[in-house]
Structure formats: C-alpha cells, structure tokens
Amino acid sequence: MVIPFYGAENREMFAIEREAMDRPGRVVEALEEILPSSGVLLDIGAGDGFVGEQLTSESRSVVALEPAAGMVNTRRPVRWVLGVAQSLPFRDDVFDGAYSTWAYFFPGLHDVSQGLAEVVRVTKEGAPTVIVDNAGDDAFTAMAPHDIATDLSFWTDAGFKVEMIDTAFVFSSIEDARRLLTFYFGEHAKPALRVEYRVAVMVRS
C-alpha cells in the first residue's frame, strides 16, 4: 500500500515543512544515539532524504527507500531505491539498522505487519529498528480535527520501547506558518512562529 504524499507534487510546501519541523534537531539527535555509528542504515519512506543526509557520515551510509519518485532528491548523499515497505527489494540480513520517520508505519490507517516483518528480514540480528511518529498531547496535534497521534499501545505490544521527545515546529515567518498549518488543518489551524510538538520514538532490536 502506498499512501499518497503531498510532497511529491508540492515541493515548495514540503520545503517549509522540512525546514520548520523539529528545527531544534532533537529527533536526529535521538536517532544518532540509537542507531549504530557505522555500517549501512535503511531509511523507509525517506521523503526527500533530509534525515538520511543528517545521518550519513564517513563510517555510516544510508539507503533511502521511497515509493514516490517525485520525492527523490539526488543531491542528498544517500543511495536511492524506489520501493515499498511491504516488499523491500533487498536480500536478508544486510542492514545494520533501520528507521522510519513519519512514514508508512501508521497502524491506525492500515495493517503494518508485513512491513515490520520485512524490516526484520532485511536487518541483521540485533540491529535496531526505530519508528518516529506523532506522540500527541501537544499544540501541533491539538489543531487536527481528528486524532493524529500514533497508537502507543500497538508499538509496546509489538515489543517496542517508547521514548518521548519534546521539540517544536519553528517557522521562518508567520506566513510560512499560516501556509503550512492551514494546509494541514484548515480552519482548525492556529498559526504561530513556534508550535510545541511531542514526538514518540519507538525502538526494537
């Protein structure tokens, strides 16, 4: 299953999102601490490769898996592969870690069991899998007309440990805030230069 993503068609809006979302960089900091410092990582639903670029180093490379060809940014220092999480186009036991940031693993929308099974297949024994999603109970998710927080009980039942991170959307201008937040939430949006945001980081190894 591929969930249509606006960023493939509206790159300008996606650029506002990527610049503002977690501007303090706390999610990448958490990924740096959890994922191995060397080897090959798999970024599932990589978007334009923003996170993969942050995690790339001399000793660590990232393979960016993305279903939407329009999201691929070849200027990022990652290796691009077009594909879906439910059928990863890789051999068994090849990755030293895997992660997904706000992409595919939405248990409230569809069955993610096949995707999780595929992650287990392609990662080495003991390699960490990290899923990042909305934690809820914050100013950002409160604007949504329906619940957009992840189901934490699903992840704990699946053997994941959950860590909470407090961060924020920090916009360059109130106009950027208005454009993105009204795009997300319509009349429920409350534009501000800084919008508090809680993130759930789910980890299993």
Foldseek 3Di string as FASTA:
>chain_A
DADDDCCLPCVVLVVQCVCFPQVVCVVLVVCCVQADLAWEEEEAQCQQVPSQLVSDDPRYAYEYEHQRPSRHDVVRRHHYDYDHLLDDPAAFAHGLAYEYAADDPAVVVDDCVSSVVSRNGRHHPPRKYKYKAFQDPWQLQVLAPDGRHGDVVVLVVVVWDKDKDKGWRAGPDQVSQVVNQCVRRNPSGDGDRITIGMMIMIMDD
